[in-house]
Protein backbone atom coordinates (compact mmCIF):
# COMPACT_ATOMS: atom_id res chain seq x y z
CA MET A 1 -140.76 -4.70 -12.36
CA LYS A 2 -137.10 -5.04 -11.41
CA VAL A 3 -135.47 -8.22 -10.12
CA ALA A 4 -132.14 -8.36 -8.30
CA THR A 5 -130.04 -11.50 -8.24
CA VAL A 6 -126.38 -12.50 -8.14
CA MET A 7 -123.65 -13.79 -10.42
CA LEU A 8 -121.55 -16.59 -8.96
CA SER A 9 -118.64 -15.81 -11.27
CA ASP A 10 -117.37 -12.93 -13.40
CA PRO A 11 -117.93 -13.74 -17.09
CA ASP A 12 -114.93 -13.16 -19.34
CA THR A 13 -117.09 -13.06 -22.48
CA LEU A 14 -120.75 -13.06 -23.51
CA ASP A 15 -120.03 -14.59 -26.90
CA PRO A 16 -122.61 -17.40 -27.37
CA GLY A 17 -119.94 -19.48 -29.07
CA ARG A 18 -117.84 -19.37 -25.92
CA ALA A 19 -120.62 -19.83 -23.38
CA ASP A 20 -119.21 -22.73 -21.37
CA ASP A 21 -120.41 -22.41 -17.80
CA ASP A 22 -123.60 -21.87 -15.84
CA GLN A 23 -123.06 -18.14 -15.39
CA LYS A 24 -122.37 -17.25 -19.02
CA ASN A 25 -125.17 -19.52 -20.21
CA SER A 26 -127.70 -17.92 -17.87
CA ILE A 27 -126.95 -14.45 -19.28
CA VAL A 28 -126.69 -15.49 -22.94
CA LEU A 29 -129.99 -17.38 -22.79
CA GLU A 30 -131.76 -14.20 -21.64
CA ALA A 31 -130.09 -11.96 -24.22
CA GLN A 32 -130.19 -14.35 -27.20
CA GLU A 33 -132.92 -16.43 -28.82
CA THR A 34 -132.54 -20.17 -29.24
CA LEU A 35 -134.64 -22.06 -31.78
CA PHE A 36 -136.44 -23.79 -28.89
CA ARG A 37 -136.92 -23.01 -25.20
CA TYR A 38 -138.13 -25.03 -22.25
CA ILE A 39 -141.24 -23.33 -20.86
CA ASP A 40 -142.79 -24.95 -17.77
CA GLY A 41 -140.81 -28.08 -18.59
CA GLU A 42 -142.14 -28.35 -22.15
CA LEU A 43 -139.95 -28.03 -25.25
CA THR A 44 -141.47 -25.05 -27.08
CA GLU A 45 -140.73 -23.33 -30.40
CA ALA A 46 -138.95 -20.03 -29.78
CA GLY A 47 -136.77 -18.58 -32.54
CA CYS A 48 -138.47 -20.96 -34.95
CA GLU A 49 -142.21 -20.84 -35.55
CA SER A 50 -142.38 -24.35 -36.99
CA TYR A 51 -140.11 -27.09 -38.29
CA GLU A 52 -140.12 -30.40 -40.11
CA THR A 53 -137.72 -33.28 -40.56
CA SER A 54 -137.01 -35.36 -43.65
CA GLU A 55 -138.22 -38.96 -43.82
CA ASP A 56 -134.70 -40.27 -43.13
CA GLY A 57 -134.30 -37.95 -40.12
CA LEU A 58 -131.16 -36.31 -41.53
CA THR A 59 -132.53 -32.93 -42.60
CA TRP A 60 -134.21 -30.51 -40.20
CA THR A 61 -135.87 -27.43 -41.66
CA PHE A 62 -136.71 -24.54 -39.32
CA HIS A 63 -139.06 -21.71 -40.27
CA LEU A 64 -138.06 -18.62 -38.28
CA ARG A 65 -140.37 -16.18 -36.56
CA ASP A 66 -140.32 -12.49 -37.31
CA ASN A 67 -137.89 -11.50 -34.58
CA LYS A 68 -135.60 -8.51 -34.16
CA TYR A 69 -132.40 -7.71 -32.33
CA SER A 70 -132.53 -5.05 -29.65
CA ASP A 71 -131.27 -2.50 -32.22
CA GLY A 72 -134.24 -3.21 -34.50
CA GLU A 73 -132.40 -5.29 -37.11
CA GLU A 74 -134.16 -8.41 -38.41
CA VAL A 75 -132.94 -11.82 -37.29
CA LYS A 76 -132.10 -13.88 -40.38
CA ALA A 77 -131.43 -17.55 -41.00
CA GLN A 78 -127.85 -16.76 -42.05
CA ASP A 79 -127.24 -15.43 -38.53
CA TYR A 80 -128.00 -18.90 -37.14
CA VAL A 81 -125.77 -20.43 -39.83
CA ASN A 82 -122.94 -18.18 -38.66
CA SER A 83 -123.39 -19.19 -35.03
CA ILE A 84 -123.45 -22.91 -35.93
CA ARG A 85 -120.27 -22.58 -37.98
CA ARG A 86 -118.58 -20.73 -35.10
CA ILE A 87 -119.29 -23.70 -32.78
CA PHE A 88 -116.80 -25.70 -34.84
CA ASP A 89 -114.38 -22.87 -35.65
CA PRO A 90 -111.02 -23.71 -34.02
CA GLU A 91 -110.39 -19.98 -33.55
CA VAL A 92 -113.52 -19.68 -31.40
CA ASN A 93 -112.63 -22.82 -29.39
CA CYS A 94 -116.19 -23.65 -28.32
CA HIS A 95 -115.96 -26.12 -25.45
CA ASN A 96 -119.26 -27.72 -26.48
CA ALA A 97 -118.23 -28.42 -30.09
CA GLY A 98 -118.18 -32.19 -29.61
CA ILE A 99 -121.82 -32.21 -28.54
CA PHE A 100 -122.75 -30.93 -32.00
CA TYR A 101 -120.62 -33.34 -34.06
CA CYS A 102 -123.98 -34.78 -35.15
CA ILE A 103 -124.15 -31.85 -37.62
CA ALA A 104 -122.61 -32.81 -40.95
CA GLY A 105 -119.15 -31.36 -41.53
CA GLY A 106 -118.85 -30.02 -37.99
CA GLU A 107 -116.23 -32.44 -36.70
CA ALA A 108 -114.12 -32.04 -39.85
CA PHE A 109 -114.08 -28.24 -39.55
CA ASN A 110 -113.39 -28.41 -35.82
CA THR A 111 -110.43 -30.78 -36.25
CA GLY A 112 -108.90 -28.98 -39.23
CA ALA A 113 -109.96 -31.52 -41.84
CA GLY A 114 -112.68 -29.37 -43.41
CA SER A 115 -113.91 -25.82 -43.87
CA LYS A 116 -116.82 -23.80 -42.52
CA GLU A 117 -118.57 -24.05 -45.90
CA ASP A 118 -118.76 -27.83 -45.40
CA VAL A 119 -120.80 -27.49 -42.18
CA GLY A 120 -124.34 -28.75 -42.76
CA ALA A 121 -126.21 -25.53 -41.99
CA VAL A 122 -127.56 -23.33 -44.78
CA ALA A 123 -129.97 -20.43 -45.11
CA VAL A 124 -132.53 -21.40 -47.78
CA ASP A 125 -133.83 -17.84 -47.48
CA ASP A 126 -133.96 -15.18 -44.74
CA LYS A 127 -136.58 -17.13 -42.76
CA THR A 128 -135.65 -20.73 -43.52
CA LEU A 129 -132.77 -22.58 -41.85
CA GLU A 130 -131.80 -26.08 -42.95
CA ILE A 131 -129.51 -28.32 -40.88
CA THR A 132 -128.16 -31.66 -42.12
CA LEU A 133 -127.07 -34.37 -39.68
CA VAL A 134 -124.65 -37.27 -40.05
CA GLU A 135 -127.21 -39.65 -38.55
CA PRO A 136 -130.76 -39.37 -37.18
CA ILE A 137 -130.79 -37.76 -33.72
CA PRO A 138 -134.22 -37.95 -32.00
CA TYR A 139 -133.20 -35.36 -29.38
CA PHE A 140 -131.82 -32.85 -31.87
CA ALA A 141 -134.57 -30.32 -31.06
CA GLN A 142 -133.40 -30.37 -27.42
CA LEU A 143 -129.85 -29.54 -28.58
CA MET A 144 -131.28 -26.43 -30.20
CA THR A 145 -131.96 -25.00 -26.73
CA PHE A 146 -128.20 -24.56 -26.20
CA SER A 147 -126.93 -21.01 -25.90
CA ASN A 148 -124.26 -21.77 -28.50
CA VAL A 149 -126.95 -21.97 -31.21
CA THR A 150 -128.19 -18.39 -31.08
CA PRO A 151 -128.04 -15.93 -33.98
CA VAL A 152 -124.95 -13.78 -34.55
CA PRO A 153 -124.70 -11.73 -37.80
CA GLU A 154 -121.55 -12.41 -39.80
CA SER A 155 -120.75 -8.69 -39.80
CA LYS A 156 -120.16 -8.97 -36.04
CA THR A 157 -117.57 -11.73 -36.33
CA GLU A 158 -115.64 -10.98 -39.53
CA GLY A 159 -111.84 -11.07 -39.47
CA GLU A 160 -110.22 -10.17 -36.17
CA LYS A 161 -113.64 -9.64 -34.57
CA ASN A 162 -114.20 -13.40 -34.61
CA SER A 163 -111.86 -13.98 -31.66
CA SER A 164 -112.83 -10.87 -29.66
CA TYR A 165 -116.61 -10.83 -30.17
CA GLY A 166 -118.50 -10.76 -26.88
CA ALA A 167 -115.93 -8.77 -24.92
CA THR A 168 -118.26 -5.77 -24.49
CA ALA A 169 -122.01 -5.32 -24.22
CA GLU A 170 -122.07 -2.66 -26.95
CA GLU A 171 -120.99 -5.05 -29.71
CA LEU A 172 -123.47 -7.83 -28.92
CA ALA A 173 -126.30 -8.74 -31.29
CA GLN A 174 -129.10 -9.48 -28.83
CA SER A 175 -132.26 -11.22 -29.98
CA GLY A 176 -133.68 -12.57 -26.72
CA PRO A 177 -136.28 -11.29 -24.24
CA PHE A 178 -133.62 -9.04 -22.65
CA TYR A 179 -130.48 -7.23 -23.70
CA VAL A 180 -127.33 -6.42 -21.73
CA SER A 181 -127.59 -2.69 -21.08
CA GLU A 182 -124.66 -2.53 -18.67
CA TRP A 183 -121.70 -4.78 -17.99
CA THR A 184 -119.15 -3.72 -15.39
CA ARG A 185 -116.50 -6.39 -15.10
CA GLY A 186 -115.91 -7.52 -11.56
CA SER A 187 -119.14 -5.88 -10.44
CA LYS A 188 -122.46 -6.48 -12.22
CA VAL A 189 -124.49 -7.12 -15.35
CA VAL A 190 -127.78 -5.32 -15.98
CA LEU A 191 -130.37 -6.78 -18.35
CA LYS A 192 -133.27 -4.74 -19.70
CA LYS A 193 -136.38 -5.85 -21.55
CA ASN A 194 -135.96 -6.09 -25.31
CA GLU A 195 -139.03 -4.31 -26.68
CA ASN A 196 -138.22 -5.69 -30.16
CA TYR A 197 -138.43 -9.31 -28.99
CA TRP A 198 -141.12 -11.30 -30.80
CA ASP A 199 -142.87 -12.26 -27.52
CA ALA A 200 -142.20 -9.02 -25.61
CA LYS A 201 -145.82 -8.75 -24.46
CA ASN A 202 -145.34 -11.84 -22.29
CA VAL A 203 -142.09 -10.66 -20.70
CA LYS A 204 -143.20 -9.30 -17.33
CA ILE A 205 -139.84 -8.16 -15.96
CA ASP A 206 -138.41 -4.81 -17.06
CA GLU A 207 -134.92 -5.12 -15.58
CA ILE A 208 -132.65 -7.72 -14.00
CA GLU A 209 -129.63 -6.58 -12.02
CA MET A 210 -127.02 -9.29 -11.44
CA THR A 211 -124.42 -8.41 -8.82
CA LEU A 212 -121.19 -10.38 -8.60
CA ALA A 213 -121.03 -12.28 -5.29
CA GLN A 214 -118.71 -15.27 -5.48
CA ASP A 215 -118.71 -16.01 -1.74
CA GLU A 216 -121.65 -18.03 -0.44
CA ASN A 217 -121.85 -16.17 2.88
CA THR A 218 -122.01 -12.86 1.01
CA ARG A 219 -124.87 -14.14 -1.15
CA GLN A 220 -126.81 -15.27 1.89
CA GLN A 221 -126.31 -11.91 3.59
CA LEU A 222 -127.57 -10.08 0.49
CA PHE A 223 -130.69 -12.25 0.48
CA ASP A 224 -131.26 -11.82 4.23
CA GLN A 225 -130.96 -8.04 3.86
CA GLY A 226 -133.44 -7.97 0.96
CA GLN A 227 -130.85 -6.71 -1.52
CA ILE A 228 -131.45 -9.63 -3.87
CA ASP A 229 -134.70 -11.39 -4.73
CA VAL A 230 -133.44 -14.79 -5.85
CA LEU A 231 -130.83 -17.11 -4.33
CA ARG A 232 -129.90 -20.37 -6.05
CA ASN A 233 -128.10 -23.56 -5.02
CA ILE A 234 -128.50 -23.10 -1.27
CA ASP A 235 -127.06 -25.64 1.17
CA SER A 236 -129.09 -27.61 3.69
CA GLU A 237 -127.82 -25.59 6.66
CA TYR A 238 -129.07 -22.31 5.19
CA LEU A 239 -132.37 -23.94 4.24
CA ASP A 240 -132.83 -24.96 7.87
CA GLN A 241 -132.33 -21.31 8.87
CA LYS A 242 -134.99 -20.13 6.39
CA GLN A 243 -137.51 -22.95 6.92
CA LYS A 244 -139.77 -20.90 9.23
CA GLU A 245 -139.95 -18.11 6.62
CA VAL A 246 -140.73 -20.71 3.96
CA ASP A 247 -143.49 -22.21 6.11
CA ALA A 248 -144.90 -18.73 6.78
CA GLY A 249 -144.98 -17.91 3.07
CA LYS A 250 -142.43 -15.10 3.37
CA VAL A 251 -139.90 -16.96 1.23
CA GLN A 252 -140.77 -19.18 -1.71
CA LEU A 253 -138.76 -22.39 -2.02
CA ILE A 254 -138.48 -24.14 -5.38
CA SER A 255 -136.70 -27.46 -5.10
CA GLY A 256 -136.02 -30.48 -7.26
CA PRO A 257 -133.21 -32.58 -8.67
CA GLN A 258 -130.60 -30.75 -10.75
CA PRO A 259 -129.11 -33.18 -13.27
CA ARG A 260 -125.51 -32.10 -12.94
CA ASN A 261 -122.31 -33.49 -11.51
CA SER A 262 -118.80 -32.66 -10.45
CA TYR A 263 -115.91 -34.92 -11.33
CA ILE A 264 -112.16 -35.26 -11.13
CA CYS A 265 -110.53 -34.25 -14.41
CA PHE A 266 -107.10 -35.67 -15.22
CA ASN A 267 -104.78 -34.32 -17.89
CA ASN A 268 -104.27 -37.43 -20.02
CA GLU A 269 -101.44 -35.58 -21.76
CA ASP A 270 -99.80 -34.61 -18.46
CA PRO A 271 -96.36 -33.18 -19.37
CA ASN A 272 -95.02 -34.70 -16.15
CA GLY A 273 -96.04 -38.13 -17.42
CA VAL A 274 -98.11 -38.99 -14.33
CA PHE A 275 -101.76 -38.94 -15.34
CA THR A 276 -100.97 -40.37 -18.75
CA ASN A 277 -101.09 -43.66 -16.86
CA GLU A 278 -104.52 -45.31 -16.51
CA LYS A 279 -103.78 -47.08 -13.23
CA ILE A 280 -102.65 -43.86 -11.57
CA ARG A 281 -105.81 -42.10 -12.75
CA LYS A 282 -107.92 -44.94 -11.34
CA ALA A 283 -106.05 -44.80 -8.03
CA PHE A 284 -106.78 -41.10 -7.58
CA ALA A 285 -110.37 -41.57 -8.76
CA ILE A 286 -111.21 -44.02 -5.95
CA ALA A 287 -108.94 -42.81 -3.13
CA PHE A 288 -111.38 -40.40 -1.52
CA ASP A 289 -114.62 -40.71 0.45
CA ARG A 290 -117.46 -39.66 -1.87
CA GLU A 291 -120.11 -39.80 0.84
CA ALA A 292 -118.10 -37.54 3.16
CA TYR A 293 -117.46 -35.14 0.29
CA ALA A 294 -121.17 -34.84 -0.54
CA THR A 295 -122.50 -34.59 3.01
CA GLN A 296 -119.70 -32.82 4.88
CA VAL A 297 -117.97 -30.65 2.27
CA LEU A 298 -120.79 -29.69 -0.11
CA ASP A 299 -123.70 -30.19 2.32
CA SER A 300 -126.30 -30.12 -0.46
CA ASN A 301 -125.55 -32.96 -2.87
CA LYS A 302 -125.53 -36.71 -3.36
CA ALA A 303 -122.43 -38.81 -3.85
CA ALA A 304 -121.81 -39.68 -7.51
CA TYR A 305 -120.87 -43.18 -8.66
CA GLY A 306 -121.53 -42.62 -12.35
CA GLU A 307 -121.35 -39.92 -15.00
CA ILE A 308 -125.14 -39.68 -15.48
CA PRO A 309 -126.60 -37.95 -12.39
CA PRO A 310 -129.89 -38.72 -10.63
CA GLY A 311 -132.82 -36.79 -12.08
CA THR A 312 -131.84 -37.46 -15.70
CA ALA A 313 -134.66 -39.02 -17.69
CA ILE A 314 -134.45 -41.71 -20.34
CA GLY A 315 -137.88 -41.72 -21.93
CA THR A 316 -140.36 -41.88 -19.05
CA ASP A 317 -137.89 -43.56 -16.68
CA GLU A 318 -134.97 -42.24 -14.67
CA PHE A 319 -131.63 -43.38 -16.07
CA ARG A 320 -130.13 -44.29 -12.70
CA ASP A 321 -133.10 -46.59 -11.93
CA LEU A 322 -132.29 -48.68 -15.00
CA TYR A 323 -128.49 -48.83 -15.10
CA PRO A 324 -125.92 -49.58 -12.38
CA GLU A 325 -123.38 -46.98 -11.30
CA PRO A 326 -119.99 -48.10 -12.72
CA MET A 327 -117.83 -46.46 -10.06
CA LYS A 328 -119.13 -48.83 -7.39
CA GLU A 329 -117.38 -51.76 -9.06
CA LEU A 330 -114.15 -49.79 -9.49
CA LEU A 331 -114.20 -48.80 -5.81
CA GLU A 332 -113.70 -52.47 -4.89
CA GLN A 333 -110.12 -52.25 -6.18
CA ASP A 334 -107.11 -51.33 -4.02
CA ALA A 335 -106.14 -47.71 -4.73
CA LYS A 336 -102.68 -48.00 -3.20
CA GLN A 337 -101.87 -51.10 -5.25
CA LEU A 338 -103.09 -49.41 -8.46
CA LEU A 339 -100.82 -46.45 -7.71
CA GLU A 340 -97.79 -48.68 -7.10
CA GLU A 341 -98.40 -50.58 -10.33
CA GLY A 342 -98.84 -47.32 -12.23
CA LEU A 343 -95.65 -45.82 -10.81
CA LYS A 344 -93.75 -48.91 -11.88
CA GLU A 345 -95.14 -48.59 -15.40
CA ILE A 346 -93.94 -44.98 -15.72
CA GLY A 347 -90.52 -45.68 -14.22
CA LYS A 348 -91.14 -44.06 -10.82
CA GLU A 349 -91.36 -47.20 -8.67
CA GLY A 350 -90.75 -46.49 -5.00
CA GLU A 351 -90.83 -42.70 -5.44
CA THR A 352 -93.09 -40.37 -3.47
CA LEU A 353 -95.35 -38.91 -6.14
CA GLU A 354 -95.89 -35.13 -6.17
CA VAL A 355 -98.82 -33.66 -8.13
CA THR A 356 -100.57 -30.29 -8.44
CA PHE A 357 -104.33 -29.79 -8.04
CA LEU A 358 -105.73 -26.75 -9.87
CA GLN A 359 -108.28 -24.92 -7.70
CA ARG A 360 -111.08 -23.16 -9.63
CA ASN A 361 -110.79 -19.79 -7.83
CA ALA A 362 -109.76 -18.27 -4.51
CA ASP A 363 -113.21 -18.47 -2.88
CA ASN A 364 -113.46 -20.17 0.48
CA GLU A 365 -115.84 -22.88 -0.80
CA THR A 366 -113.44 -23.98 -3.54
CA LYS A 367 -110.52 -23.78 -1.10
CA VAL A 368 -112.32 -26.27 1.15
CA VAL A 369 -112.90 -28.57 -1.84
CA ALA A 370 -109.25 -28.47 -2.90
CA GLU A 371 -108.05 -29.13 0.63
CA PHE A 372 -110.43 -32.09 0.93
CA TYR A 373 -108.86 -33.79 -2.10
CA GLN A 374 -105.39 -32.85 -0.88
CA ASN A 375 -106.03 -34.42 2.51
CA GLN A 376 -107.68 -37.57 1.14
CA TRP A 377 -105.02 -38.31 -1.47
CA GLU A 378 -102.12 -37.62 0.86
CA LYS A 379 -103.66 -39.84 3.55
CA ASN A 380 -104.90 -42.68 1.35
CA LEU A 381 -102.17 -42.76 -1.31
CA GLY A 382 -99.13 -41.37 0.49
CA VAL A 383 -98.53 -38.74 -2.21
CA LYS A 384 -97.70 -35.02 -2.00
CA VAL A 385 -100.44 -32.72 -3.34
CA ASN A 386 -99.77 -29.05 -4.07
CA ILE A 387 -102.64 -26.63 -4.70
CA GLU A 388 -102.49 -24.06 -7.50
CA THR A 389 -105.26 -21.45 -7.52
CA ALA A 390 -106.72 -19.90 -10.69
CA SER A 391 -107.62 -16.22 -10.37
CA ASP A 392 -111.27 -16.82 -11.31
CA ASN A 393 -113.56 -19.33 -13.04
CA SER A 394 -112.89 -17.96 -16.52
CA SER A 395 -109.12 -18.25 -16.06
CA PHE A 396 -109.65 -21.78 -14.75
CA ASN A 397 -111.69 -22.80 -17.80
CA ASN A 398 -109.11 -21.34 -20.17
CA GLN A 399 -106.26 -23.05 -18.33
CA VAL A 400 -108.01 -26.43 -18.42
CA SER A 401 -108.97 -26.11 -22.09
CA LYS A 402 -105.31 -25.46 -22.95
CA GLY A 403 -104.11 -28.45 -20.92
CA LEU A 404 -102.20 -26.30 -18.42
CA TYR A 405 -102.96 -28.45 -15.38
CA GLN A 406 -102.42 -31.94 -13.92
CA VAL A 407 -105.63 -32.65 -12.03
CA CYS A 408 -108.65 -30.55 -11.07
CA GLU A 409 -112.34 -30.78 -10.28
CA THR A 410 -114.77 -29.65 -12.94
CA GLY A 411 -118.33 -30.57 -13.86
CA TRP A 412 -121.24 -30.66 -16.25
CA GLY A 413 -124.92 -29.83 -16.01
CA SER A 414 -127.76 -30.30 -18.44
C-alpha cells in the first residue's frame, strides 16, 4: 500500500541530531528507531526490549532488541551512545540540547566545560545501554521518544562528517520502520518499508511519498483532487467545506488538542540594544490582540496566555485547569508606558523606535502573520516595524539559532 502526503517545509538535513522542527522530526521518526514510541497513546518499548532503573533513579539500563539498519547492519548500543553525545556536541548545535541536560555531563560538554567522554551514556555491551542522570527524572522514558535519541554509528559521523551528516539520503543509517529511498530537495521525500526492521511484519504501508507543498491553498487542492491521502492542521473554514464528506464517511476526520504553541521570540542580545531591555520586551509582548490573532489570522487555534498550552497533562489532570495563565496579569499593564520607560532606560527617550521582524518564509500564511504583528505594534506602540523574510523554514531556524534577528514568531510542540 502506498500513501501520499505533503511536507510543509523543505528539510535542510535529516540528521537526527539536528531535527528541530515538525517536518524533520516526522521524517526522522519514521526512518530511525527511538528507544520508546507512543502507540495508540501508550508509551511502548521500541528500540529497547526492556529496561530497569537503579534504586536512586539515577541510572537507566536499556536492553536493546535485535534490530537492523536498512542496509542489514546490526544496531548496537554504542550507536545510541554516539547519538546522545552528538546532542551535546557544540559542532552539531542540537537545538534541543537543553532538554537533555538531565543526562550527566551533557551540559558541561555542550557549554565547552567538558568532553564527550564525560557524557553519562555508555555501551555495557552491544545490546546494553546505560544512561546516568544528574537527578531522578520520572518522565525520562518519555524523553527517549525524541528523534534526537536515535542510533547513528560513529563511522558515519567521524571527523568532517560530523557537521555534514544527514545532507543526503544515501549516507543515512536508518533503523526505523521506513528508510528514505529518495530525497529531492525542493520537491519530495519518498519513504519505503524497511524489511530489516524488528517489527516489519506489523508495518502495513509499503511506501510514503511526501510532496513539498508549503502553501495551504495548494495542499487543500491536492487533497480535493485526490493526489494526497492525508492533510494535517486544517483550518475551520476548510473543515466547514468538507463537513458533508466527513458526515457521509467519504473523508475521515481525526481531531483533538495539539499541545503546542506559538510565541514571540526576542533577541535578548539584540545588537541594536533594543530587546535587551525587559520593559521593551514586555511592551511588545502585550501590545497585540491575542484573541483576534487566534480567530481571525490563524482561524484554527486558541489564544495563548501561558507557555504551557491546553491539552497538556500533569498526571491525570490538565495543566491549564490547575494553574493560572501568567500573561493575563501582565496584560493589565500599560504597553505604551512600558515602552516609554524602556526607551528612557536605553537612552532613546522620545525617539520613534524602529525594529525588524523576521518572517519565517515567503508563504502567504506567514506573510499575513508578520503583517498582523507589524500593524498591531505600529498602531498600539507608535513604532516602525520592518519585515525581513527568510528564504525558508530551515534558513529561519539557522538565523534564529545564530542570533541574527531582533524579533520573530517561533513555537514549540510536544
